[in-house]
Amino acid sequence: MRNRIGKLSVLILVAVLALSHCHEGNAREQVRPNVLFIAMDDLNDWIGVLGGHPQTITPNLDRLANSGMLFTNAHCTAPSCNPSRTAIMTGQSPHKSGLYANDQKMREVLPDAELIPAVFSRHGYYSAGSGKLLHYFIDAPSWNEYFPEAKSESPLPRTLYPDPRPLSLPRAGPWQYVETDWGAMPVSDEEFGGDWSVT
């Protein structure tokens, strides 16, 4: 029986490659695993390992999921990007935080919230990130390192868009992001930008 994944968010949390650390003056070994957190919006269960769509062929994601821990009953806390991402990164659901909409700024609503990477850093981990983990900002103080540089506070690497837009999907209204448009780009992976540059 296949468990369905929340409509707007698929989370794959993989703990990989346990490393041993010896503390000075301590003969006992302590095991501290590396933790790789991958968040994907709007994917539903459309990856091969979850069997959600027959046309989906995702060998790299399938291999990654099979090498670690795959949560197959994950759900988003809100049907919108910002409140869902904020809930994941702070552990506070929208009904507790008051952050319900994409036009709210997380740090205005939750100025003192500690994010997951900061918790890891506080416990001796090195927290590095990339991509749009939060809603169009990085929250630089929460990370040891971020790509692109955290000082820019823009999580989006160089990205190439089609011209003109929309290409295939007319916008239904001002509420719809122009990024929901899709189509083939006549460029190489390296030229395309964002996805390639964060690998």
C-alpha atoms as a PDB file:
ATOM      1  CA  MET A   1       0.000   0.000   0.000  1.00  0.00           C
ATOM      2  CA  ARG A   2       1.430   3.319  -1.074  1.00  0.00           C
ATOM      3  CA  ASN A   3       1.403   6.286   1.286  1.00  0.00           C
ATOM      4  CA  ARG A   4       0.724   9.605  -0.401  1.00  0.00           C
ATOM      5  CA  ILE A   5       2.878  12.632   0.228  1.00  0.00           C
ATOM      6  CA  GLY A   6       1.516  16.073   1.039  1.00  0.00           C
ATOM      7  CA  LYS A   7       0.447  17.953  -2.089  1.00  0.00           C
ATOM      8  CA  LEU A   8       2.820  20.882  -1.835  1.00  0.00           C
ATOM      9  CA  SER A   9       5.863  19.448  -0.150  1.00  0.00           C
ATOM     10  CA  VAL A  10       7.947  16.356  -0.282  1.00  0.00           C
ATOM     11  CA  LEU A  11      10.598  16.052   2.344  1.00  0.00           C
ATOM     12  CA  ILE A  12      13.363  13.574   2.196  1.00  0.00           C
ATOM     13  CA  LEU A  13      15.449  13.495   5.326  1.00  0.00           C
ATOM     14  CA  VAL A  14      18.504  11.344   4.913  1.00  0.00           C
ATOM     15  CA  ALA A  15      21.057  10.596   7.575  1.00  0.00           C
ATOM     16  CA  VAL A  16      24.180   9.412   5.790  1.00  0.00           C
ATOM     17  CA  LEU A  17      27.769   8.450   6.396  1.00  0.00           C
ATOM     18  CA  ALA A  18      28.240   8.155  10.136  1.00  0.00           C
ATOM     19  CA  LEU A  19      31.603   9.573  11.142  1.00  0.00           C
ATOM     20  CA  SER A  20      33.483   8.863  14.339  1.00  0.00           C
ATOM     21  CA  HIS A  21      35.025  11.707  16.319  1.00  0.00           C
ATOM     22  CA  CYS A  22      37.547  11.252  19.111  1.00  0.00           C
ATOM     23  CA  HIS A  23      37.614  13.980  21.741  1.00  0.00           C
ATOM     24  CA  GLU A  24      40.991  15.042  23.116  1.00  0.00           C
ATOM     25  CA  GLY A  25      41.780  13.181  26.305  1.00  0.00           C
ATOM     26  CA  ASN A  26      38.871  10.808  25.770  1.00  0.00           C
ATOM     27  CA  ALA A  27      39.556   7.293  24.496  1.00  0.00           C
ATOM     28  CA  ARG A  28      35.877   6.611  23.826  1.00  0.00           C
ATOM     29  CA  GLU A  29      34.627   7.129  20.294  1.00  0.00           C
ATOM     30  CA  GLN A  30      31.459   9.097  19.748  1.00  0.00           C
ATOM     31  CA  VAL A  31      29.402   8.643  16.599  1.00  0.00           C
ATOM     32  CA  ARG A  32      27.873  11.743  15.068  1.00  0.00           C
ATOM     33  CA  PRO A  33      26.095  11.222  11.734  1.00  0.00           C
ATOM     34  CA  ASN A  34      26.112  13.750   8.953  1.00  0.00           C
ATOM     35  CA  VAL A  35      22.571  14.892   8.170  1.00  0.00           C
ATOM     36  CA  LEU A  36      21.449  15.764   4.657  1.00  0.00           C
ATOM     37  CA  PHE A  37      18.082  17.529   4.480  1.00  0.00           C
ATOM     38  CA  ILE A  38      16.471  17.880   1.045  1.00  0.00           C
ATOM     39  CA  ALA A  39      13.207  19.790   0.613  1.00  0.00           C
ATOM     40  CA  MET A  40      11.246  19.882  -2.653  1.00  0.00           C
ATOM     41  CA  ASP A  41       8.099  21.881  -3.326  1.00  0.00           C
ATOM     42  CA  ASP A  42       5.230  20.837  -5.549  1.00  0.00           C
ATOM     43  CA  LEU A  43       6.643  17.382  -6.193  1.00  0.00           C
ATOM     44  CA  ASN A  44       3.872  15.434  -4.487  1.00  0.00           C
ATOM     45  CA  ASP A  45       4.900  11.778  -4.701  1.00  0.00           C
ATOM     46  CA  TRP A  46       6.107  12.026  -8.307  1.00  0.00           C
ATOM     47  CA  ILE A  47       9.460  10.307  -7.888  1.00  0.00           C
ATOM     48  CA  GLY A  48      10.157   6.738  -8.884  1.00  0.00           C
ATOM     49  CA  VAL A  49      10.791   5.342  -5.408  1.00  0.00           C
ATOM     50  CA  LEU A  50       7.325   6.494  -4.305  1.00  0.00           C
ATOM     51  CA  GLY A  51       5.595   5.203  -7.449  1.00  0.00           C
ATOM     52  CA  GLY A  52       3.375   8.271  -7.713  1.00  0.00           C
ATOM     53  CA  HIS A  53       3.429   8.762 -11.482  1.00  0.00           C
ATOM     54  CA  PRO A  54       4.254   6.236 -14.215  1.00  0.00           C
ATOM     55  CA  GLN A  55       6.036   8.806 -16.416  1.00  0.00           C
ATOM     56  CA  THR A  56       8.442   9.887 -13.693  1.00  0.00           C
ATOM     57  CA  ILE A  57      11.951   8.490 -13.978  1.00  0.00           C
ATOM     58  CA  THR A  58      14.204   9.706 -11.158  1.00  0.00           C
ATOM     59  CA  PRO A  59      17.136   7.299 -10.759  1.00  0.00           C
ATOM     60  CA  ASN A  60      19.313   9.660  -8.687  1.00  0.00           C
ATOM     61  CA  LEU A  61      16.559  10.527  -6.196  1.00  0.00           C
ATOM     62  CA  ASP A  62      15.595   6.846  -6.009  1.00  0.00           C
ATOM     63  CA  ARG A  63      19.184   5.833  -5.275  1.00  0.00           C
ATOM     64  CA  LEU A  64      19.503   8.548  -2.626  1.00  0.00           C
ATOM     65  CA  ALA A  65      16.223   7.530  -0.969  1.00  0.00           C
ATOM     66  CA  ASN A  66      17.261   3.873  -0.923  1.00  0.00           C
ATOM     67  CA  SER A  67      20.596   4.683   0.732  1.00  0.00           C
ATOM     68  CA  GLY A  68      19.132   6.469   3.739  1.00  0.00           C
ATOM     69  CA  MET A  69      15.831   7.109   5.448  1.00  0.00           C
ATOM     70  CA  LEU A  70      12.790   8.045   3.393  1.00  0.00           C
ATOM     71  CA  PHE A  71       9.693   9.424   5.092  1.00  0.00           C
ATOM     72  CA  THR A  72       6.693   8.248   3.078  1.00  0.00           C
ATOM     73  CA  ASN A  73       3.931   9.835   5.126  1.00  0.00           C
ATOM     74  CA  ALA A  74       5.021  13.471   5.244  1.00  0.00           C
ATOM     75  CA  HIS A  75       2.512  16.323   5.005  1.00  0.00           C
ATOM     76  CA  CYS A  76       2.836  20.058   4.561  1.00  0.00           C
ATOM     77  CA  THR A  77       1.499  22.218   7.370  1.00  0.00           C
ATOM     78  CA  ALA A  78      -0.124  24.739   5.036  1.00  0.00           C
ATOM     79  CA  PRO A  79      -1.055  24.799   1.332  1.00  0.00           C
ATOM     80  CA  SER A  80       1.263  27.738   0.750  1.00  0.00           C
ATOM     81  CA  CYS A  81       5.021  28.089   0.440  1.00  0.00           C
ATOM     82  CA  ASN A  82       5.968  30.561   3.179  1.00  0.00           C
ATOM     83  CA  PRO A  83       3.949  29.162   6.104  1.00  0.00           C
ATOM     84  CA  SER A  84       4.899  25.596   5.197  1.00  0.00           C
ATOM     85  CA  ARG A  85       8.637  26.354   4.911  1.00  0.00           C
ATOM     86  CA  THR A  86       8.566  28.415   8.103  1.00  0.00           C
ATOM     87  CA  ALA A  87       6.863  25.594  10.002  1.00  0.00           C
ATOM     88  CA  ILE A  88       9.437  23.066   8.814  1.00  0.00           C
ATOM     89  CA  MET A  89      12.430  25.253   9.664  1.00  0.00           C
ATOM     90  CA  THR A  90      11.144  26.548  13.033  1.00  0.00           C
ATOM     91  CA  GLY A  91       8.966  23.671  14.257  1.00  0.00           C
ATOM     92  CA  GLN A  92       6.035  26.070  14.728  1.00  0.00           C
ATOM     93  CA  SER A  93       2.833  25.425  12.806  1.00  0.00           C
ATOM     94  CA  PRO A  94       0.933  28.391  11.339  1.00  0.00           C
ATOM     95  CA  HIS A  95      -1.801  28.237  13.988  1.00  0.00           C
ATOM     96  CA  LYS A  96       0.916  28.844  16.627  1.00  0.00           C
ATOM     97  CA  SER A  97       3.205  31.231  14.731  1.00  0.00           C
ATOM     98  CA  GLY A  98       0.538  33.353  13.049  1.00  0.00           C
ATOM     99  CA  LEU A  99       2.356  33.086   9.709  1.00  0.00           C
ATOM    100  CA  TYR A 100      -0.330  32.070   7.205  1.00  0.00           C
ATOM    101  CA  ALA A 101       0.475  33.850   3.929  1.00  0.00           C
ATOM    102  CA  ASN A 102       3.251  34.201   1.372  1.00  0.00           C
ATOM    103  CA  ASP A 103       3.340  37.995   1.723  1.00  0.00           C
ATOM    104  CA  GLN A 104       4.260  37.852   5.415  1.00  0.00           C
ATOM    105  CA  LYS A 105       7.930  38.159   6.390  1.00  0.00           C
ATOM    106  CA  MET A 106       9.078  35.353   8.660  1.00  0.00           C
ATOM    107  CA  ARG A 107      11.433  37.514  10.728  1.00  0.00           C
ATOM    108  CA  GLU A 108       8.729  40.133  11.297  1.00  0.00           C
ATOM    109  CA  VAL A 109       6.333  37.478  12.596  1.00  0.00           C
ATOM    110  CA  LEU A 110       8.949  35.352  14.395  1.00  0.00           C
ATOM    111  CA  PRO A 111      11.914  37.625  15.199  1.00  0.00           C
ATOM    112  CA  ASP A 112      13.449  35.257  17.757  1.00  0.00           C
ATOM    113  CA  ALA A 113      12.721  31.861  16.198  1.00  0.00           C
ATOM    114  CA  GLU A 114      15.674  29.476  15.963  1.00  0.00           C
ATOM    115  CA  LEU A 115      15.908  27.637  12.663  1.00  0.00           C
ATOM    116  CA  ILE A 116      17.026  24.025  12.205  1.00  0.00           C
ATOM    117  CA  PRO A 117      20.524  24.917  10.894  1.00  0.00           C
ATOM    118  CA  ALA A 118      21.166  27.155  13.917  1.00  0.00           C
ATOM    119  CA  VAL A 119      20.129  24.334  16.254  1.00  0.00           C
ATOM    120  CA  PHE A 120      22.594  22.006  14.523  1.00  0.00           C
ATOM    121  CA  SER A 121      25.353  24.649  14.709  1.00  0.00           C
ATOM    122  CA  ARG A 122      24.696  25.178  18.408  1.00  0.00           C
ATOM    123  CA  HIS A 123      25.243  21.452  18.923  1.00  0.00           C
ATOM    124  CA  GLY A 124      28.612  21.340  17.164  1.00  0.00           C
ATOM    125  CA  TYR A 125      27.568  20.714  13.561  1.00  0.00           C
ATOM    126  CA  TYR A 126      28.610  22.752  10.534  1.00  0.00           C
ATOM    127  CA  SER A 127      25.410  23.956   8.814  1.00  0.00           C
ATOM    128  CA  ALA A 128      25.619  24.653   5.097  1.00  0.00           C
ATOM    129  CA  GLY A 129      22.743  25.182   2.701  1.00  0.00           C
ATOM    130  CA  SER A 130      21.732  26.123  -0.813  1.00  0.00           C
ATOM    131  CA  GLY A 131      18.595  26.829  -2.778  1.00  0.00           C
ATOM    132  CA  LYS A 132      15.212  28.213  -1.780  1.00  0.00           C
ATOM    133  CA  LEU A 133      14.817  26.603   1.643  1.00  0.00           C
ATOM    134  CA  LEU A 134      12.962  29.612   3.038  1.00  0.00           C
ATOM    135  CA  HIS A 135      10.592  31.958   1.212  1.00  0.00           C
ATOM    136  CA  TYR A 136      12.927  34.021  -1.013  1.00  0.00           C
ATOM    137  CA  PHE A 137      15.462  34.771   1.723  1.00  0.00           C
ATOM    138  CA  ILE A 138      18.332  32.945   3.422  1.00  0.00           C
ATOM    139  CA  ASP A 139      18.336  34.087   7.078  1.00  0.00           C
ATOM    140  CA  ALA A 140      22.130  34.347   7.035  1.00  0.00           C
ATOM    141  CA  PRO A 141      22.709  34.210  10.835  1.00  0.00           C
ATOM    142  CA  SER A 142      21.224  30.697  10.905  1.00  0.00           C
ATOM    143  CA  TRP A 143      23.937  29.201   8.670  1.00  0.00           C
ATOM    144  CA  ASN A 144      27.683  28.634   8.765  1.00  0.00           C
ATOM    145  CA  GLU A 145      27.770  28.740   4.964  1.00  0.00           C
ATOM    146  CA  TYR A 146      25.249  29.265   2.182  1.00  0.00           C
ATOM    147  CA  PHE A 147      25.341  29.246  -1.628  1.00  0.00           C
ATOM    148  CA  PRO A 148      24.926  31.764  -3.077  1.00  0.00           C
ATOM    149  CA  GLU A 149      26.588  33.946  -0.468  1.00  0.00           C
ATOM    150  CA  ALA A 150      24.340  34.499   2.531  1.00  0.00           C
ATOM    151  CA  LYS A 151      25.188  38.208   2.629  1.00  0.00           C
ATOM    152  CA  SER A 152      23.031  38.740  -0.470  1.00  0.00           C
ATOM    153  CA  GLU A 153      19.980  37.291   1.368  1.00  0.00           C
ATOM    154  CA  SER A 154      18.711  35.992  -1.995  1.00  0.00           C
ATOM    155  CA  PRO A 155      18.577  32.189  -2.099  1.00  0.00           C
ATOM    156  CA  LEU A 156      18.273  32.002  -5.870  1.00  0.00           C
ATOM    157  CA  PRO A 157      21.456  31.343  -7.847  1.00  0.00           C
ATOM    158  CA  ARG A 158      21.826  32.644 -11.384  1.00  0.00           C
ATOM    159  CA  THR A 159      18.785  31.414 -13.306  1.00  0.00           C
ATOM    160  CA  LEU A 160      17.946  31.611 -16.995  1.00  0.00           C
ATOM    161  CA  TYR A 161      14.312  32.258 -17.941  1.00  0.00           C
ATOM    162  CA  PRO A 162      12.575  32.014 -21.321  1.00  0.00           C
ATOM    163  CA  ASP A 163      11.855  35.169 -23.242  1.00  0.00           C
ATOM    164  CA  PRO A 164       9.058  36.071 -23.756  1.00  0.00           C
ATOM    165  CA  ARG A 165       7.020  34.815 -20.830  1.00  0.00           C
ATOM    166  CA  PRO A 166       4.612  33.163 -20.308  1.00  0.00           C
ATOM    167  CA  LEU A 167       5.908  30.371 -22.508  1.00  0.00           C
ATOM    168  CA  SER A 168       3.390  27.551 -22.033  1.00  0.00           C
ATOM    169  CA  LEU A 169       1.111  28.484 -19.156  1.00  0.00           C
ATOM    170  CA  PRO A 170      -0.743  31.812 -19.067  1.00  0.00           C
ATOM    171  CA  ARG A 171      -0.985  33.309 -15.597  1.00  0.00           C
ATOM    172  CA  ALA A 172      -4.412  32.895 -14.033  1.00  0.00           C
ATOM    173  CA  GLY A 173      -3.981  36.107 -12.057  1.00  0.00           C
ATOM    174  CA  PRO A 174      -1.493  38.238 -10.125  1.00  0.00           C
ATOM    175  CA  TRP A 175      -1.458  35.661  -7.311  1.00  0.00           C
ATOM    176  CA  GLN A 176       0.193  33.083  -9.593  1.00  0.00           C
ATOM    177  CA  TYR A 177       3.992  33.114  -9.729  1.00  0.00           C
ATOM    178  CA  VAL A 178       5.436  33.514 -13.190  1.00  0.00           C
ATOM    179  CA  GLU A 179       7.757  30.612 -12.281  1.00  0.00           C
ATOM    180  CA  THR A 180       4.843  28.171 -12.679  1.00  0.00           C
ATOM    181  CA  ASP A 181       5.317  28.549 -16.445  1.00  0.00           C
ATOM    182  CA  TRP A 182       7.358  25.761 -18.005  1.00  0.00           C
ATOM    183  CA  GLY A 183       9.048  24.697 -21.207  1.00  0.00           C
ATOM    184  CA  ALA A 184      12.244  23.407 -22.750  1.00  0.00           C
ATOM    185  CA  MET A 185      15.216  25.775 -22.760  1.00  0.00           C
ATOM    186  CA  PRO A 186      17.595  25.612 -25.729  1.00  0.00           C
ATOM    187  CA  VAL A 187      20.708  25.727 -23.511  1.00  0.00           C
ATOM    188  CA  SER A 188      23.054  23.271 -21.799  1.00  0.00           C
ATOM    189  CA  ASP A 189      22.703  22.291 -18.134  1.00  0.00           C
ATOM    190  CA  GLU A 190      25.706  24.456 -17.263  1.00  0.00           C
ATOM    191  CA  GLU A 191      24.212  27.491 -19.015  1.00  0.00           C
ATOM    192  CA  PHE A 192      20.797  27.011 -17.443  1.00  0.00           C
ATOM    193  CA  GLY A 193      22.130  28.111 -14.101  1.00  0.00           C
ATOM    194  CA  GLY A 194      20.420  27.509 -10.809  1.00  0.00           C
ATOM    195  CA  ASP A 195      20.142  23.738 -10.541  1.00  0.00           C
ATOM    196  CA  TRP A 196      23.567  23.131 -12.060  1.00  0.00           C
ATOM    197  CA  SER A 197      25.369  25.731  -9.958  1.00  0.00           C
ATOM    198  CA  VAL A 198      24.262  24.284  -6.617  1.00  0.00           C
ATOM    199  CA  THR A 199      25.406  20.720  -7.348  1.00  0.00           C
END
